């Protein structure tokens, strides 16, 4: 043996058991990490493929009373909201944002 080489002693039985336990724990941690990454990739893929089957765009024609004027538009959750001025009376119409079907109407009129 030369002076530049270092001697590596054989591990004791306790050290060998400790090395085996550390290897086993690292294997478990690696497998758990791989399983978590696979689950995330599956979730992302599921959402991507599911969103491609979304419904096509819909064209809707909403008839307004003669002389009606749209004052404001907005959204509230899954609803589209139109505020109309119809001959001095205010009316709010709501539509479902996904299907564009009317969901409700509120009329505000002044008492005589």
C-alpha atoms as a PDB file:
ATOM      1  CA  UNK A   1       0.000   0.000   0.000  1.00  0.00           C
ATOM      2  CA  UNK A   2       1.353   3.435  -0.885  1.00  0.00           C
ATOM      3  CA  UNK A   3       1.083   6.506   1.311  1.00  0.00           C
ATOM      4  CA  UNK A   4      -1.395   8.264  -1.008  1.00  0.00           C
ATOM      5  CA  UNK A   5      -4.030   5.533  -0.768  1.00  0.00           C
ATOM      6  CA  UNK A   6      -6.369   5.502   2.173  1.00  0.00           C
ATOM      7  CA  UNK A   7      -7.644   2.306   3.631  1.00  0.00           C
ATOM      8  CA  UNK A   8     -11.420   1.973   3.816  1.00  0.00           C
ATOM      9  CA  UNK A   9     -12.333  -0.424   6.560  1.00  0.00           C
ATOM     10  CA  UNK A  10     -15.218  -2.852   6.114  1.00  0.00           C
ATOM     11  CA  UNK A  11     -18.406  -1.597   7.816  1.00  0.00           C
ATOM     12  CA  UNK A  12     -19.392  -3.186  11.065  1.00  0.00           C
ATOM     13  CA  UNK A  13     -22.633  -5.210  11.151  1.00  0.00           C
ATOM     14  CA  UNK A  14     -24.399  -2.258  12.823  1.00  0.00           C
ATOM     15  CA  UNK A  15     -23.199   0.094  10.102  1.00  0.00           C
ATOM     16  CA  UNK A  16     -24.236  -2.357   7.364  1.00  0.00           C
ATOM     17  CA  UNK A  17     -27.730  -2.577   8.912  1.00  0.00           C
ATOM     18  CA  UNK A  18     -27.910   1.230   9.063  1.00  0.00           C
ATOM     19  CA  UNK A  19     -26.872   1.520   5.395  1.00  0.00           C
ATOM     20  CA  UNK A  20     -29.522  -1.037   4.393  1.00  0.00           C
ATOM     21  CA  UNK A  21     -32.215   0.858   6.352  1.00  0.00           C
ATOM     22  CA  UNK A  22     -31.198   4.190   4.750  1.00  0.00           C
ATOM     23  CA  UNK A  23     -31.302   2.594   1.265  1.00  0.00           C
ATOM     24  CA  UNK A  24     -34.761   1.166   1.985  1.00  0.00           C
ATOM     25  CA  UNK A  25     -36.056   4.561   3.222  1.00  0.00           C
ATOM     26  CA  UNK A  26     -34.628   6.318   0.152  1.00  0.00           C
ATOM     27  CA  UNK A  27     -36.306   3.753  -2.121  1.00  0.00           C
ATOM     28  CA  UNK A  28     -39.656   4.346  -0.378  1.00  0.00           C
ATOM     29  CA  UNK A  29     -39.246   8.123  -0.655  1.00  0.00           C
ATOM     30  CA  UNK A  30     -38.325   7.883  -4.338  1.00  0.00           C
ATOM     31  CA  UNK A  31     -41.311   5.664  -5.130  1.00  0.00           C
ATOM     32  CA  UNK A  32     -43.648   7.978  -3.215  1.00  0.00           C
ATOM     33  CA  UNK A  33     -42.337  10.993  -5.127  1.00  0.00           C
ATOM     34  CA  UNK A  34     -42.721   9.186  -8.466  1.00  0.00           C
ATOM     35  CA  UNK A  35     -46.298   8.228  -7.555  1.00  0.00           C
ATOM     36  CA  UNK A  36     -47.136  11.833  -6.614  1.00  0.00           C
ATOM     37  CA  UNK A  37     -45.684  13.203  -9.860  1.00  0.00           C
ATOM     38  CA  UNK A  38     -47.613  10.579 -11.848  1.00  0.00           C
ATOM     39  CA  UNK A  39     -50.856  11.556 -10.057  1.00  0.00           C
ATOM     40  CA  UNK A  40     -50.327  15.231 -10.890  1.00  0.00           C
ATOM     41  CA  UNK A  41     -49.625  14.433 -14.549  1.00  0.00           C
ATOM     42  CA  UNK A  42     -52.742  12.250 -14.749  1.00  0.00           C
ATOM     43  CA  UNK A  43     -54.864  15.048 -13.231  1.00  0.00           C
ATOM     44  CA  UNK A  44     -53.478  17.604 -15.704  1.00  0.00           C
ATOM     45  CA  UNK A  45     -54.029  15.247 -18.637  1.00  0.00           C
ATOM     46  CA  UNK A  46     -57.581  14.505 -17.509  1.00  0.00           C
ATOM     47  CA  UNK A  47     -58.434  18.198 -17.348  1.00  0.00           C
ATOM     48  CA  UNK A  48     -56.871  18.911 -20.741  1.00  0.00           C
ATOM     49  CA  UNK A  49     -58.695  16.097 -22.513  1.00  0.00           C
ATOM     50  CA  UNK A  50     -61.976  16.805 -20.748  1.00  0.00           C
ATOM     51  CA  UNK A  51     -61.912  20.511 -21.631  1.00  0.00           C
ATOM     52  CA  UNK A  52     -61.472  19.767 -25.352  1.00  0.00           C
ATOM     53  CA  UNK A  53     -65.010  18.406 -25.458  1.00  0.00           C
ATOM     54  CA  UNK A  54     -66.480  21.725 -24.341  1.00  0.00           C
ATOM     55  CA  UNK A  55     -69.636  22.861 -26.104  1.00  0.00           C
ATOM     56  CA  UNK A  56     -69.332  24.936 -29.255  1.00  0.00           C
ATOM     57  CA  UNK A  57     -70.049  28.629 -29.176  1.00  0.00           C
ATOM     58  CA  UNK A  58     -73.693  29.599 -29.358  1.00  0.00           C
ATOM     59  CA  UNK A  59     -75.206  32.547 -31.178  1.00  0.00           C
ATOM     60  CA  UNK A  60     -78.292  33.926 -29.460  1.00  0.00           C
ATOM     61  CA  UNK A  61     -80.574  36.726 -30.572  1.00  0.00           C
ATOM     62  CA  UNK A  62     -82.371  38.385 -27.677  1.00  0.00           C
ATOM     63  CA  UNK A  63     -85.311  40.508 -28.709  1.00  0.00           C
ATOM     64  CA  UNK A  64     -85.675  43.760 -26.799  1.00  0.00           C
ATOM     65  CA  UNK A  65     -88.844  45.824 -26.660  1.00  0.00           C
ATOM     66  CA  UNK A  66     -89.064  48.704 -29.129  1.00  0.00           C
ATOM     67  CA  UNK A  67     -87.146  51.729 -27.842  1.00  0.00           C
ATOM     68  CA  UNK A  68     -85.238  49.727 -25.228  1.00  0.00           C
ATOM     69  CA  UNK A  69     -81.681  50.782 -24.544  1.00  0.00           C
ATOM     70  CA  UNK A  70     -78.951  48.714 -22.852  1.00  0.00           C
ATOM     71  CA  UNK A  71     -77.641  50.808 -19.963  1.00  0.00           C
ATOM     72  CA  UNK A  72     -75.151  48.374 -18.405  1.00  0.00           C
ATOM     73  CA  UNK A  73     -73.871  44.815 -18.628  1.00  0.00           C
ATOM     74  CA  UNK A  74     -72.136  42.688 -16.054  1.00  0.00           C
ATOM     75  CA  UNK A  75     -71.605  39.230 -14.634  1.00  0.00           C
ATOM     76  CA  UNK A  76     -72.719  37.700 -11.351  1.00  0.00           C
ATOM     77  CA  UNK A  77     -71.372  34.204 -10.791  1.00  0.00           C
ATOM     78  CA  UNK A  78     -72.574  32.100 -13.715  1.00  0.00           C
ATOM     79  CA  UNK A  79     -75.009  34.753 -14.896  1.00  0.00           C
ATOM     80  CA  UNK A  80     -74.849  37.543 -17.456  1.00  0.00           C
ATOM     81  CA  UNK A  81     -76.747  40.629 -16.359  1.00  0.00           C
ATOM     82  CA  UNK A  82     -78.210  43.281 -18.678  1.00  0.00           C
ATOM     83  CA  UNK A  83     -79.699  46.516 -17.366  1.00  0.00           C
ATOM     84  CA  UNK A  84     -82.214  48.012 -19.787  1.00  0.00           C
ATOM     85  CA  UNK A  85     -83.971  51.378 -19.985  1.00  0.00           C
ATOM     86  CA  UNK A  86     -87.410  50.860 -21.495  1.00  0.00           C
ATOM     87  CA  UNK A  87     -89.292  54.154 -21.895  1.00  0.00           C
ATOM     88  CA  UNK A  88     -88.056  55.459 -18.548  1.00  0.00           C
ATOM     89  CA  UNK A  89     -88.536  52.177 -16.638  1.00  0.00           C
ATOM     90  CA  UNK A  90     -85.519  50.133 -15.610  1.00  0.00           C
ATOM     91  CA  UNK A  91     -85.434  46.390 -16.221  1.00  0.00           C
ATOM     92  CA  UNK A  92     -82.731  43.846 -15.360  1.00  0.00           C
ATOM     93  CA  UNK A  93     -82.522  40.635 -17.380  1.00  0.00           C
ATOM     94  CA  UNK A  94     -80.270  37.734 -16.423  1.00  0.00           C
ATOM     95  CA  UNK A  95     -78.986  34.918 -18.644  1.00  0.00           C
ATOM     96  CA  UNK A  96     -77.117  31.708 -17.899  1.00  0.00           C
ATOM     97  CA  UNK A  97     -73.495  32.261 -18.931  1.00  0.00           C
ATOM     98  CA  UNK A  98     -73.055  28.727 -20.306  1.00  0.00           C
ATOM     99  CA  UNK A  99     -76.262  28.272 -22.299  1.00  0.00           C
ATOM    100  CA  UNK A 100     -77.229  31.953 -22.767  1.00  0.00           C
ATOM    101  CA  UNK A 101     -80.827  31.095 -21.901  1.00  0.00           C
ATOM    102  CA  UNK A 102     -82.839  33.729 -19.985  1.00  0.00           C
ATOM    103  CA  UNK A 103     -83.028  32.998 -16.250  1.00  0.00           C
ATOM    104  CA  UNK A 104     -84.970  35.954 -14.919  1.00  0.00           C
ATOM    105  CA  UNK A 105     -86.324  39.470 -15.299  1.00  0.00           C
ATOM    106  CA  UNK A 106     -86.805  42.260 -12.760  1.00  0.00           C
ATOM    107  CA  UNK A 107     -88.801  45.389 -13.653  1.00  0.00           C
ATOM    108  CA  UNK A 108     -88.542  48.597 -11.682  1.00  0.00           C
ATOM    109  CA  UNK A 109     -91.418  51.027 -12.188  1.00  0.00           C
ATOM    110  CA  UNK A 110     -92.362  54.203 -10.351  1.00  0.00           C
ATOM    111  CA  UNK A 111     -95.569  54.164  -8.352  1.00  0.00           C
ATOM    112  CA  UNK A 112     -98.223  56.622  -9.575  1.00  0.00           C
END
